[in-house]
Amino acid sequence: MGCVTAGTFTPAIERYEFKGFMNV
């Protein structure tokens, strides 16, 4: 997401981590 400069290797995967709160 624009945080680093892209390289050339592919296939390539990004890992996104989200956090939130649920009430059950």
PDBML (XML) file of the C-alpha atoms, coordinates in Angstrom:
<?xml version="1.0" encoding="UTF-8" ?>
<PDBx:datablock datablockName="MODEL"
   xmlns:PDBx="http://pdbml.pdb.org/schema/pdbx-v50.xsd"
   xmlns:xsi="http://www.w3.org/2001/XMLSchema-instance"
   xsi:schemaLocation="http://pdbml.pdb.org/schema/pdbx-v50.xsd pdbx-v50.xsd">
   <PDBx:atom_siteCategory>
      <PDBx:atom_site id="1">
         <PDBx:B_iso_or_equiv>0.00</PDBx:B_iso_or_equiv>
         <PDBx:Cartn_x>0.000</PDBx:Cartn_x>
         <PDBx:Cartn_y>0.000</PDBx:Cartn_y>
         <PDBx:Cartn_z>0.000</PDBx:Cartn_z>
         <PDBx:auth_asym_id>A</PDBx:auth_asym_id>
         <PDBx:auth_atom_id>CA</PDBx:auth_atom_id>
         <PDBx:auth_comp_id>MET</PDBx:auth_comp_id>
         <PDBx:auth_seq_id>1</PDBx:auth_seq_id>
         <PDBx:group_PDB>ATOM</PDBx:group_PDB>
         <PDBx:label_alt_id xsi:nil="true" />
         <PDBx:label_asym_id>A</PDBx:label_asym_id>
         <PDBx:label_atom_id>CA</PDBx:label_atom_id>
         <PDBx:label_comp_id>MET</PDBx:label_comp_id>
         <PDBx:label_entity_id>1</PDBx:label_entity_id>
         <PDBx:label_seq_id>1</PDBx:label_seq_id>
         <PDBx:occupancy>1.00</PDBx:occupancy>
         <PDBx:pdbx_PDB_model_num>1</PDBx:pdbx_PDB_model_num>
         <PDBx:type_symbol>C</PDBx:type_symbol>
      </PDBx:atom_site>
      <PDBx:atom_site id="2">
         <PDBx:B_iso_or_equiv>0.00</PDBx:B_iso_or_equiv>
         <PDBx:Cartn_x>2.794</PDBx:Cartn_x>
         <PDBx:Cartn_y>2.394</PDBx:Cartn_y>
         <PDBx:Cartn_z>-0.866</PDBx:Cartn_z>
         <PDBx:auth_asym_id>A</PDBx:auth_asym_id>
         <PDBx:auth_atom_id>CA</PDBx:auth_atom_id>
         <PDBx:auth_comp_id>GLY</PDBx:auth_comp_id>
         <PDBx:auth_seq_id>2</PDBx:auth_seq_id>
         <PDBx:group_PDB>ATOM</PDBx:group_PDB>
         <PDBx:label_alt_id xsi:nil="true" />
         <PDBx:label_asym_id>A</PDBx:label_asym_id>
         <PDBx:label_atom_id>CA</PDBx:label_atom_id>
         <PDBx:label_comp_id>GLY</PDBx:label_comp_id>
         <PDBx:label_entity_id>1</PDBx:label_entity_id>
         <PDBx:label_seq_id>2</PDBx:label_seq_id>
         <PDBx:occupancy>1.00</PDBx:occupancy>
         <PDBx:pdbx_PDB_model_num>1</PDBx:pdbx_PDB_model_num>
         <PDBx:type_symbol>C</PDBx:type_symbol>
      </PDBx:atom_site>
      <PDBx:atom_site id="3">
         <PDBx:B_iso_or_equiv>0.00</PDBx:B_iso_or_equiv>
         <PDBx:Cartn_x>4.826</PDBx:Cartn_x>
         <PDBx:Cartn_y>1.708</PDBx:Cartn_y>
         <PDBx:Cartn_z>2.270</PDBx:Cartn_z>
         <PDBx:auth_asym_id>A</PDBx:auth_asym_id>
         <PDBx:auth_atom_id>CA</PDBx:auth_atom_id>
         <PDBx:auth_comp_id>CYS</PDBx:auth_comp_id>
         <PDBx:auth_seq_id>3</PDBx:auth_seq_id>
         <PDBx:group_PDB>ATOM</PDBx:group_PDB>
         <PDBx:label_alt_id xsi:nil="true" />
         <PDBx:label_asym_id>A</PDBx:label_asym_id>
         <PDBx:label_atom_id>CA</PDBx:label_atom_id>
         <PDBx:label_comp_id>CYS</PDBx:label_comp_id>
         <PDBx:label_entity_id>1</PDBx:label_entity_id>
         <PDBx:label_seq_id>3</PDBx:label_seq_id>
         <PDBx:occupancy>1.00</PDBx:occupancy>
         <PDBx:pdbx_PDB_model_num>1</PDBx:pdbx_PDB_model_num>
         <PDBx:type_symbol>C</PDBx:type_symbol>
      </PDBx:atom_site>
      <PDBx:atom_site id="4">
         <PDBx:B_iso_or_equiv>0.00</PDBx:B_iso_or_equiv>
         <PDBx:Cartn_x>7.783</PDBx:Cartn_x>
         <PDBx:Cartn_y>0.190</PDBx:Cartn_y>
         <PDBx:Cartn_z>0.389</PDBx:Cartn_z>
         <PDBx:auth_asym_id>A</PDBx:auth_asym_id>
         <PDBx:auth_atom_id>CA</PDBx:auth_atom_id>
         <PDBx:auth_comp_id>VAL</PDBx:auth_comp_id>
         <PDBx:auth_seq_id>4</PDBx:auth_seq_id>
         <PDBx:group_PDB>ATOM</PDBx:group_PDB>
         <PDBx:label_alt_id xsi:nil="true" />
         <PDBx:label_asym_id>A</PDBx:label_asym_id>
         <PDBx:label_atom_id>CA</PDBx:label_atom_id>
         <PDBx:label_comp_id>VAL</PDBx:label_comp_id>
         <PDBx:label_entity_id>1</PDBx:label_entity_id>
         <PDBx:label_seq_id>4</PDBx:label_seq_id>
         <PDBx:occupancy>1.00</PDBx:occupancy>
         <PDBx:pdbx_PDB_model_num>1</PDBx:pdbx_PDB_model_num>
         <PDBx:type_symbol>C</PDBx:type_symbol>
      </PDBx:atom_site>
      <PDBx:atom_site id="5">
         <PDBx:B_iso_or_equiv>0.00</PDBx:B_iso_or_equiv>
         <PDBx:Cartn_x>9.276</PDBx:Cartn_x>
         <PDBx:Cartn_y>0.231</PDBx:Cartn_y>
         <PDBx:Cartn_z>-3.092</PDBx:Cartn_z>
         <PDBx:auth_asym_id>A</PDBx:auth_asym_id>
         <PDBx:auth_atom_id>CA</PDBx:auth_atom_id>
         <PDBx:auth_comp_id>THR</PDBx:auth_comp_id>
         <PDBx:auth_seq_id>5</PDBx:auth_seq_id>
         <PDBx:group_PDB>ATOM</PDBx:group_PDB>
         <PDBx:label_alt_id xsi:nil="true" />
         <PDBx:label_asym_id>A</PDBx:label_asym_id>
         <PDBx:label_atom_id>CA</PDBx:label_atom_id>
         <PDBx:label_comp_id>THR</PDBx:label_comp_id>
         <PDBx:label_entity_id>1</PDBx:label_entity_id>
         <PDBx:label_seq_id>5</PDBx:label_seq_id>
         <PDBx:occupancy>1.00</PDBx:occupancy>
         <PDBx:pdbx_PDB_model_num>1</PDBx:pdbx_PDB_model_num>
         <PDBx:type_symbol>C</PDBx:type_symbol>
      </PDBx:atom_site>
      <PDBx:atom_site id="6">
         <PDBx:B_iso_or_equiv>0.00</PDBx:B_iso_or_equiv>
         <PDBx:Cartn_x>8.159</PDBx:Cartn_x>
         <PDBx:Cartn_y>-2.689</PDBx:Cartn_y>
         <PDBx:Cartn_z>-5.227</PDBx:Cartn_z>
         <PDBx:auth_asym_id>A</PDBx:auth_asym_id>
         <PDBx:auth_atom_id>CA</PDBx:auth_atom_id>
         <PDBx:auth_comp_id>ALA</PDBx:auth_comp_id>
         <PDBx:auth_seq_id>6</PDBx:auth_seq_id>
         <PDBx:group_PDB>ATOM</PDBx:group_PDB>
         <PDBx:label_alt_id xsi:nil="true" />
         <PDBx:label_asym_id>A</PDBx:label_asym_id>
         <PDBx:label_atom_id>CA</PDBx:label_atom_id>
         <PDBx:label_comp_id>ALA</PDBx:label_comp_id>
         <PDBx:label_entity_id>1</PDBx:label_entity_id>
         <PDBx:label_seq_id>6</PDBx:label_seq_id>
         <PDBx:occupancy>1.00</PDBx:occupancy>
         <PDBx:pdbx_PDB_model_num>1</PDBx:pdbx_PDB_model_num>
         <PDBx:type_symbol>C</PDBx:type_symbol>
      </PDBx:atom_site>
      <PDBx:atom_site id="7">
         <PDBx:B_iso_or_equiv>0.00</PDBx:B_iso_or_equiv>
         <PDBx:Cartn_x>10.704</PDBx:Cartn_x>
         <PDBx:Cartn_y>-5.218</PDBx:Cartn_y>
         <PDBx:Cartn_z>-6.453</PDBx:Cartn_z>
         <PDBx:auth_asym_id>A</PDBx:auth_asym_id>
         <PDBx:auth_atom_id>CA</PDBx:auth_atom_id>
         <PDBx:auth_comp_id>GLY</PDBx:auth_comp_id>
         <PDBx:auth_seq_id>7</PDBx:auth_seq_id>
         <PDBx:group_PDB>ATOM</PDBx:group_PDB>
         <PDBx:label_alt_id xsi:nil="true" />
         <PDBx:label_asym_id>A</PDBx:label_asym_id>
         <PDBx:label_atom_id>CA</PDBx:label_atom_id>
         <PDBx:label_comp_id>GLY</PDBx:label_comp_id>
         <PDBx:label_entity_id>1</PDBx:label_entity_id>
         <PDBx:label_seq_id>7</PDBx:label_seq_id>
         <PDBx:occupancy>1.00</PDBx:occupancy>
         <PDBx:pdbx_PDB_model_num>1</PDBx:pdbx_PDB_model_num>
         <PDBx:type_symbol>C</PDBx:type_symbol>
      </PDBx:atom_site>
      <PDBx:atom_site id="8">
         <PDBx:B_iso_or_equiv>0.00</PDBx:B_iso_or_equiv>
         <PDBx:Cartn_x>10.530</PDBx:Cartn_x>
         <PDBx:Cartn_y>-7.697</PDBx:Cartn_y>
         <PDBx:Cartn_z>-9.312</PDBx:Cartn_z>
         <PDBx:auth_asym_id>A</PDBx:auth_asym_id>
         <PDBx:auth_atom_id>CA</PDBx:auth_atom_id>
         <PDBx:auth_comp_id>THR</PDBx:auth_comp_id>
         <PDBx:auth_seq_id>8</PDBx:auth_seq_id>
         <PDBx:group_PDB>ATOM</PDBx:group_PDB>
         <PDBx:label_alt_id xsi:nil="true" />
         <PDBx:label_asym_id>A</PDBx:label_asym_id>
         <PDBx:label_atom_id>CA</PDBx:label_atom_id>
         <PDBx:label_comp_id>THR</PDBx:label_comp_id>
         <PDBx:label_entity_id>1</PDBx:label_entity_id>
         <PDBx:label_seq_id>8</PDBx:label_seq_id>
         <PDBx:occupancy>1.00</PDBx:occupancy>
         <PDBx:pdbx_PDB_model_num>1</PDBx:pdbx_PDB_model_num>
         <PDBx:type_symbol>C</PDBx:type_symbol>
      </PDBx:atom_site>
      <PDBx:atom_site id="9">
         <PDBx:B_iso_or_equiv>0.00</PDBx:B_iso_or_equiv>
         <PDBx:Cartn_x>9.839</PDBx:Cartn_x>
         <PDBx:Cartn_y>-11.163</PDBx:Cartn_y>
         <PDBx:Cartn_z>-7.866</PDBx:Cartn_z>
         <PDBx:auth_asym_id>A</PDBx:auth_asym_id>
         <PDBx:auth_atom_id>CA</PDBx:auth_atom_id>
         <PDBx:auth_comp_id>PHE</PDBx:auth_comp_id>
         <PDBx:auth_seq_id>9</PDBx:auth_seq_id>
         <PDBx:group_PDB>ATOM</PDBx:group_PDB>
         <PDBx:label_alt_id xsi:nil="true" />
         <PDBx:label_asym_id>A</PDBx:label_asym_id>
         <PDBx:label_atom_id>CA</PDBx:label_atom_id>
         <PDBx:label_comp_id>PHE</PDBx:label_comp_id>
         <PDBx:label_entity_id>1</PDBx:label_entity_id>
         <PDBx:label_seq_id>9</PDBx:label_seq_id>
         <PDBx:occupancy>1.00</PDBx:occupancy>
         <PDBx:pdbx_PDB_model_num>1</PDBx:pdbx_PDB_model_num>
         <PDBx:type_symbol>C</PDBx:type_symbol>
      </PDBx:atom_site>
      <PDBx:atom_site id="10">
         <PDBx:B_iso_or_equiv>0.00</PDBx:B_iso_or_equiv>
         <PDBx:Cartn_x>6.506</PDBx:Cartn_x>
         <PDBx:Cartn_y>-12.803</PDBx:Cartn_y>
         <PDBx:Cartn_z>-8.676</PDBx:Cartn_z>
         <PDBx:auth_asym_id>A</PDBx:auth_asym_id>
         <PDBx:auth_atom_id>CA</PDBx:auth_atom_id>
         <PDBx:auth_comp_id>THR</PDBx:auth_comp_id>
         <PDBx:auth_seq_id>10</PDBx:auth_seq_id>
         <PDBx:group_PDB>ATOM</PDBx:group_PDB>
         <PDBx:label_alt_id xsi:nil="true" />
         <PDBx:label_asym_id>A</PDBx:label_asym_id>
         <PDBx:label_atom_id>CA</PDBx:label_atom_id>
         <PDBx:label_comp_id>THR</PDBx:label_comp_id>
         <PDBx:label_entity_id>1</PDBx:label_entity_id>
         <PDBx:label_seq_id>10</PDBx:label_seq_id>
         <PDBx:occupancy>1.00</PDBx:occupancy>
         <PDBx:pdbx_PDB_model_num>1</PDBx:pdbx_PDB_model_num>
         <PDBx:type_symbol>C</PDBx:type_symbol>
      </PDBx:atom_site>
      <PDBx:atom_site id="11">
         <PDBx:B_iso_or_equiv>0.00</PDBx:B_iso_or_equiv>
         <PDBx:Cartn_x>4.288</PDBx:Cartn_x>
         <PDBx:Cartn_y>-14.660</PDBx:Cartn_y>
         <PDBx:Cartn_z>-7.728</PDBx:Cartn_z>
         <PDBx:auth_asym_id>A</PDBx:auth_asym_id>
         <PDBx:auth_atom_id>CA</PDBx:auth_atom_id>
         <PDBx:auth_comp_id>PRO</PDBx:auth_comp_id>
         <PDBx:auth_seq_id>11</PDBx:auth_seq_id>
         <PDBx:group_PDB>ATOM</PDBx:group_PDB>
         <PDBx:label_alt_id xsi:nil="true" />
         <PDBx:label_asym_id>A</PDBx:label_asym_id>
         <PDBx:label_atom_id>CA</PDBx:label_atom_id>
         <PDBx:label_comp_id>PRO</PDBx:label_comp_id>
         <PDBx:label_entity_id>1</PDBx:label_entity_id>
         <PDBx:label_seq_id>11</PDBx:label_seq_id>
         <PDBx:occupancy>1.00</PDBx:occupancy>
         <PDBx:pdbx_PDB_model_num>1</PDBx:pdbx_PDB_model_num>
         <PDBx:type_symbol>C</PDBx:type_symbol>
      </PDBx:atom_site>
      <PDBx:atom_site id="12">
         <PDBx:B_iso_or_equiv>0.00</PDBx:B_iso_or_equiv>
         <PDBx:Cartn_x>3.926</PDBx:Cartn_x>
         <PDBx:Cartn_y>-12.436</PDBx:Cartn_y>
         <PDBx:Cartn_z>-4.693</PDBx:Cartn_z>
         <PDBx:auth_asym_id>A</PDBx:auth_asym_id>
         <PDBx:auth_atom_id>CA</PDBx:auth_atom_id>
         <PDBx:auth_comp_id>ALA</PDBx:auth_comp_id>
         <PDBx:auth_seq_id>12</PDBx:auth_seq_id>
         <PDBx:group_PDB>ATOM</PDBx:group_PDB>
         <PDBx:label_alt_id xsi:nil="true" />
         <PDBx:label_asym_id>A</PDBx:label_asym_id>
         <PDBx:label_atom_id>CA</PDBx:label_atom_id>
         <PDBx:label_comp_id>ALA</PDBx:label_comp_id>
         <PDBx:label_entity_id>1</PDBx:label_entity_id>
         <PDBx:label_seq_id>12</PDBx:label_seq_id>
         <PDBx:occupancy>1.00</PDBx:occupancy>
         <PDBx:pdbx_PDB_model_num>1</PDBx:pdbx_PDB_model_num>
         <PDBx:type_symbol>C</PDBx:type_symbol>
      </PDBx:atom_site>
      <PDBx:atom_site id="13">
         <PDBx:B_iso_or_equiv>0.00</PDBx:B_iso_or_equiv>
         <PDBx:Cartn_x>1.400</PDBx:Cartn_x>
         <PDBx:Cartn_y>-12.106</PDBx:Cartn_y>
         <PDBx:Cartn_z>-1.869</PDBx:Cartn_z>
         <PDBx:auth_asym_id>A</PDBx:auth_asym_id>
         <PDBx:auth_atom_id>CA</PDBx:auth_atom_id>
         <PDBx:auth_comp_id>ILE</PDBx:auth_comp_id>
         <PDBx:auth_seq_id>13</PDBx:auth_seq_id>
         <PDBx:group_PDB>ATOM</PDBx:group_PDB>
         <PDBx:label_alt_id xsi:nil="true" />
         <PDBx:label_asym_id>A</PDBx:label_asym_id>
         <PDBx:label_atom_id>CA</PDBx:label_atom_id>
         <PDBx:label_comp_id>ILE</PDBx:label_comp_id>
         <PDBx:label_entity_id>1</PDBx:label_entity_id>
         <PDBx:label_seq_id>13</PDBx:label_seq_id>
         <PDBx:occupancy>1.00</PDBx:occupancy>
         <PDBx:pdbx_PDB_model_num>1</PDBx:pdbx_PDB_model_num>
         <PDBx:type_symbol>C</PDBx:type_symbol>
      </PDBx:atom_site>
      <PDBx:atom_site id="14">
         <PDBx:B_iso_or_equiv>0.00</PDBx:B_iso_or_equiv>
         <PDBx:Cartn_x>0.627</PDBx:Cartn_x>
         <PDBx:Cartn_y>-9.321</PDBx:Cartn_y>
         <PDBx:Cartn_z>0.616</PDBx:Cartn_z>
         <PDBx:auth_asym_id>A</PDBx:auth_asym_id>
         <PDBx:auth_atom_id>CA</PDBx:auth_atom_id>
         <PDBx:auth_comp_id>GLU</PDBx:auth_comp_id>
         <PDBx:auth_seq_id>14</PDBx:auth_seq_id>
         <PDBx:group_PDB>ATOM</PDBx:group_PDB>
         <PDBx:label_alt_id xsi:nil="true" />
         <PDBx:label_asym_id>A</PDBx:label_asym_id>
         <PDBx:label_atom_id>CA</PDBx:label_atom_id>
         <PDBx:label_comp_id>GLU</PDBx:label_comp_id>
         <PDBx:label_entity_id>1</PDBx:label_entity_id>
         <PDBx:label_seq_id>14</PDBx:label_seq_id>
         <PDBx:occupancy>1.00</PDBx:occupancy>
         <PDBx:pdbx_PDB_model_num>1</PDBx:pdbx_PDB_model_num>
         <PDBx:type_symbol>C</PDBx:type_symbol>
      </PDBx:atom_site>
      <PDBx:atom_site id="15">
         <PDBx:B_iso_or_equiv>0.00</PDBx:B_iso_or_equiv>
         <PDBx:Cartn_x>-0.605</PDBx:Cartn_x>
         <PDBx:Cartn_y>-9.952</PDBx:Cartn_y>
         <PDBx:Cartn_z>4.163</PDBx:Cartn_z>
         <PDBx:auth_asym_id>A</PDBx:auth_asym_id>
         <PDBx:auth_atom_id>CA</PDBx:auth_atom_id>
         <PDBx:auth_comp_id>ARG</PDBx:auth_comp_id>
         <PDBx:auth_seq_id>15</PDBx:auth_seq_id>
         <PDBx:group_PDB>ATOM</PDBx:group_PDB>
         <PDBx:label_alt_id xsi:nil="true" />
         <PDBx:label_asym_id>A</PDBx:label_asym_id>
         <PDBx:label_atom_id>CA</PDBx:label_atom_id>
         <PDBx:label_comp_id>ARG</PDBx:label_comp_id>
         <PDBx:label_entity_id>1</PDBx:label_entity_id>
         <PDBx:label_seq_id>15</PDBx:label_seq_id>
         <PDBx:occupancy>1.00</PDBx:occupancy>
         <PDBx:pdbx_PDB_model_num>1</PDBx:pdbx_PDB_model_num>
         <PDBx:type_symbol>C</PDBx:type_symbol>
      </PDBx:atom_site>
      <PDBx:atom_site id="16">
         <PDBx:B_iso_or_equiv>0.00</PDBx:B_iso_or_equiv>
         <PDBx:Cartn_x>-3.114</PDBx:Cartn_x>
         <PDBx:Cartn_y>-7.415</PDBx:Cartn_y>
         <PDBx:Cartn_z>5.566</PDBx:Cartn_z>
         <PDBx:auth_asym_id>A</PDBx:auth_asym_id>
         <PDBx:auth_atom_id>CA</PDBx:auth_atom_id>
         <PDBx:auth_comp_id>TYR</PDBx:auth_comp_id>
         <PDBx:auth_seq_id>16</PDBx:auth_seq_id>
         <PDBx:group_PDB>ATOM</PDBx:group_PDB>
         <PDBx:label_alt_id xsi:nil="true" />
         <PDBx:label_asym_id>A</PDBx:label_asym_id>
         <PDBx:label_atom_id>CA</PDBx:label_atom_id>
         <PDBx:label_comp_id>TYR</PDBx:label_comp_id>
         <PDBx:label_entity_id>1</PDBx:label_entity_id>
         <PDBx:label_seq_id>16</PDBx:label_seq_id>
         <PDBx:occupancy>1.00</PDBx:occupancy>
         <PDBx:pdbx_PDB_model_num>1</PDBx:pdbx_PDB_model_num>
         <PDBx:type_symbol>C</PDBx:type_symbol>
      </PDBx:atom_site>
      <PDBx:atom_site id="17">
         <PDBx:B_iso_or_equiv>0.00</PDBx:B_iso_or_equiv>
         <PDBx:Cartn_x>-3.938</PDBx:Cartn_x>
         <PDBx:Cartn_y>-7.545</PDBx:Cartn_y>
         <PDBx:Cartn_z>9.295</PDBx:Cartn_z>
         <PDBx:auth_asym_id>A</PDBx:auth_asym_id>
         <PDBx:auth_atom_id>CA</PDBx:auth_atom_id>
         <PDBx:auth_comp_id>GLU</PDBx:auth_comp_id>
         <PDBx:auth_seq_id>17</PDBx:auth_seq_id>
         <PDBx:group_PDB>ATOM</PDBx:group_PDB>
         <PDBx:label_alt_id xsi:nil="true" />
         <PDBx:label_asym_id>A</PDBx:label_asym_id>
         <PDBx:label_atom_id>CA</PDBx:label_atom_id>
         <PDBx:label_comp_id>GLU</PDBx:label_comp_id>
         <PDBx:label_entity_id>1</PDBx:label_entity_id>
         <PDBx:label_seq_id>17</PDBx:label_seq_id>
         <PDBx:occupancy>1.00</PDBx:occupancy>
         <PDBx:pdbx_PDB_model_num>1</PDBx:pdbx_PDB_model_num>
         <PDBx:type_symbol>C</PDBx:type_symbol>
      </PDBx:atom_site>
      <PDBx:atom_site id="18">
         <PDBx:B_iso_or_equiv>0.00</PDBx:B_iso_or_equiv>
         <PDBx:Cartn_x>-7.088</PDBx:Cartn_x>
         <PDBx:Cartn_y>-5.871</PDBx:Cartn_y>
         <PDBx:Cartn_z>10.662</PDBx:Cartn_z>
         <PDBx:auth_asym_id>A</PDBx:auth_asym_id>
         <PDBx:auth_atom_id>CA</PDBx:auth_atom_id>
         <PDBx:auth_comp_id>PHE</PDBx:auth_comp_id>
         <PDBx:auth_seq_id>18</PDBx:auth_seq_id>
         <PDBx:group_PDB>ATOM</PDBx:group_PDB>
         <PDBx:label_alt_id xsi:nil="true" />
         <PDBx:label_asym_id>A</PDBx:label_asym_id>
         <PDBx:label_atom_id>CA</PDBx:label_atom_id>
         <PDBx:label_comp_id>PHE</PDBx:label_comp_id>
         <PDBx:label_entity_id>1</PDBx:label_entity_id>
         <PDBx:label_seq_id>18</PDBx:label_seq_id>
         <PDBx:occupancy>1.00</PDBx:occupancy>
         <PDBx:pdbx_PDB_model_num>1</PDBx:pdbx_PDB_model_num>
         <PDBx:type_symbol>C</PDBx:type_symbol>
      </PDBx:atom_site>
      <PDBx:atom_site id="19">
         <PDBx:B_iso_or_equiv>0.00</PDBx:B_iso_or_equiv>
         <PDBx:Cartn_x>-8.264</PDBx:Cartn_x>
         <PDBx:Cartn_y>-5.620</PDBx:Cartn_y>
         <PDBx:Cartn_z>14.276</PDBx:Cartn_z>
         <PDBx:auth_asym_id>A</PDBx:auth_asym_id>
         <PDBx:auth_atom_id>CA</PDBx:auth_atom_id>
         <PDBx:auth_comp_id>LYS</PDBx:auth_comp_id>
         <PDBx:auth_seq_id>19</PDBx:auth_seq_id>
         <PDBx:group_PDB>ATOM</PDBx:group_PDB>
         <PDBx:label_alt_id xsi:nil="true" />
         <PDBx:label_asym_id>A</PDBx:label_asym_id>
         <PDBx:label_atom_id>CA</PDBx:label_atom_id>
         <PDBx:label_comp_id>LYS</PDBx:label_comp_id>
         <PDBx:label_entity_id>1</PDBx:label_entity_id>
         <PDBx:label_seq_id>19</PDBx:label_seq_id>
         <PDBx:occupancy>1.00</PDBx:occupancy>
         <PDBx:pdbx_PDB_model_num>1</PDBx:pdbx_PDB_model_num>
         <PDBx:type_symbol>C</PDBx:type_symbol>
      </PDBx:atom_site>
      <PDBx:atom_site id="20">
         <PDBx:B_iso_or_equiv>0.00</PDBx:B_iso_or_equiv>
         <PDBx:Cartn_x>-11.616</PDBx:Cartn_x>
         <PDBx:Cartn_y>-4.692</PDBx:Cartn_y>
         <PDBx:Cartn_z>15.806</PDBx:Cartn_z>
         <PDBx:auth_asym_id>A</PDBx:auth_asym_id>
         <PDBx:auth_atom_id>CA</PDBx:auth_atom_id>
         <PDBx:auth_comp_id>GLY</PDBx:auth_comp_id>
         <PDBx:auth_seq_id>20</PDBx:auth_seq_id>
         <PDBx:group_PDB>ATOM</PDBx:group_PDB>
         <PDBx:label_alt_id xsi:nil="true" />
         <PDBx:label_asym_id>A</PDBx:label_asym_id>
         <PDBx:label_atom_id>CA</PDBx:label_atom_id>
         <PDBx:label_comp_id>GLY</PDBx:label_comp_id>
         <PDBx:label_entity_id>1</PDBx:label_entity_id>
         <PDBx:label_seq_id>20</PDBx:label_seq_id>
         <PDBx:occupancy>1.00</PDBx:occupancy>
         <PDBx:pdbx_PDB_model_num>1</PDBx:pdbx_PDB_model_num>
         <PDBx:type_symbol>C</PDBx:type_symbol>
      </PDBx:atom_site>
      <PDBx:atom_site id="21">
         <PDBx:B_iso_or_equiv>0.00</PDBx:B_iso_or_equiv>
         <PDBx:Cartn_x>-13.934</PDBx:Cartn_x>
         <PDBx:Cartn_y>-5.552</PDBx:Cartn_y>
         <PDBx:Cartn_z>18.688</PDBx:Cartn_z>
         <PDBx:auth_asym_id>A</PDBx:auth_asym_id>
         <PDBx:auth_atom_id>CA</PDBx:auth_atom_id>
         <PDBx:auth_comp_id>PHE</PDBx:auth_comp_id>
         <PDBx:auth_seq_id>21</PDBx:auth_seq_id>
         <PDBx:group_PDB>ATOM</PDBx:group_PDB>
         <PDBx:label_alt_id xsi:nil="true" />
         <PDBx:label_asym_id>A</PDBx:label_asym_id>
         <PDBx:label_atom_id>CA</PDBx:label_atom_id>
         <PDBx:label_comp_id>PHE</PDBx:label_comp_id>
         <PDBx:label_entity_id>1</PDBx:label_entity_id>
         <PDBx:label_seq_id>21</PDBx:label_seq_id>
         <PDBx:occupancy>1.00</PDBx:occupancy>
         <PDBx:pdbx_PDB_model_num>1</PDBx:pdbx_PDB_model_num>
         <PDBx:type_symbol>C</PDBx:type_symbol>
      </PDBx:atom_site>
      <PDBx:atom_site id="22">
         <PDBx:B_iso_or_equiv>0.00</PDBx:B_iso_or_equiv>
         <PDBx:Cartn_x>-17.055</PDBx:Cartn_x>
         <PDBx:Cartn_y>-7.732</PDBx:Cartn_y>
         <PDBx:Cartn_z>18.653</PDBx:Cartn_z>
         <PDBx:auth_asym_id>A</PDBx:auth_asym_id>
         <PDBx:auth_atom_id>CA</PDBx:auth_atom_id>
         <PDBx:auth_comp_id>MET</PDBx:auth_comp_id>
         <PDBx:auth_seq_id>22</PDBx:auth_seq_id>
         <PDBx:group_PDB>ATOM</PDBx:group_PDB>
         <PDBx:label_alt_id xsi:nil="true" />
         <PDBx:label_asym_id>A</PDBx:label_asym_id>
         <PDBx:label_atom_id>CA</PDBx:label_atom_id>
         <PDBx:label_comp_id>MET</PDBx:label_comp_id>
         <PDBx:label_entity_id>1</PDBx:label_entity_id>
         <PDBx:label_seq_id>22</PDBx:label_seq_id>
         <PDBx:occupancy>1.00</PDBx:occupancy>
         <PDBx:pdbx_PDB_model_num>1</PDBx:pdbx_PDB_model_num>
         <PDBx:type_symbol>C</PDBx:type_symbol>
      </PDBx:atom_site>
      <PDBx:atom_site id="23">
         <PDBx:B_iso_or_equiv>0.00</PDBx:B_iso_or_equiv>
         <PDBx:Cartn_x>-19.645</PDBx:Cartn_x>
         <PDBx:Cartn_y>-8.094</PDBx:Cartn_y>
         <PDBx:Cartn_z>21.412</PDBx:Cartn_z>
         <PDBx:auth_asym_id>A</PDBx:auth_asym_id>
         <PDBx:auth_atom_id>CA</PDBx:auth_atom_id>
         <PDBx:auth_comp_id>ASN</PDBx:auth_comp_id>
         <PDBx:auth_seq_id>23</PDBx:auth_seq_id>
         <PDBx:group_PDB>ATOM</PDBx:group_PDB>
         <PDBx:label_alt_id xsi:nil="true" />
         <PDBx:label_asym_id>A</PDBx:label_asym_id>
         <PDBx:label_atom_id>CA</PDBx:label_atom_id>
         <PDBx:label_comp_id>ASN</PDBx:label_comp_id>
         <PDBx:label_entity_id>1</PDBx:label_entity_id>
         <PDBx:label_seq_id>23</PDBx:label_seq_id>
         <PDBx:occupancy>1.00</PDBx:occupancy>
         <PDBx:pdbx_PDB_model_num>1</PDBx:pdbx_PDB_model_num>
         <PDBx:type_symbol>C</PDBx:type_symbol>
      </PDBx:atom_site>
      <PDBx:atom_site id="24">
         <PDBx:B_iso_or_equiv>0.00</PDBx:B_iso_or_equiv>
         <PDBx:Cartn_x>-21.326</PDBx:Cartn_x>
         <PDBx:Cartn_y>-11.497</PDBx:Cartn_y>
         <PDBx:Cartn_z>21.791</PDBx:Cartn_z>
         <PDBx:auth_asym_id>A</PDBx:auth_asym_id>
         <PDBx:auth_atom_id>CA</PDBx:auth_atom_id>
         <PDBx:auth_comp_id>VAL</PDBx:auth_comp_id>
         <PDBx:auth_seq_id>24</PDBx:auth_seq_id>
         <PDBx:group_PDB>ATOM</PDBx:group_PDB>
         <PDBx:label_alt_id xsi:nil="true" />
         <PDBx:label_asym_id>A</PDBx:label_asym_id>
         <PDBx:label_atom_id>CA</PDBx:label_atom_id>
         <PDBx:label_comp_id>VAL</PDBx:label_comp_id>
         <PDBx:label_entity_id>1</PDBx:label_entity_id>
         <PDBx:label_seq_id>24</PDBx:label_seq_id>
         <PDBx:occupancy>1.00</PDBx:occupancy>
         <PDBx:pdbx_PDB_model_num>1</PDBx:pdbx_PDB_model_num>
         <PDBx:type_symbol>C</PDBx:type_symbol>
      </PDBx:atom_site>
   </PDBx:atom_siteCategory>
</PDBx:datablock>
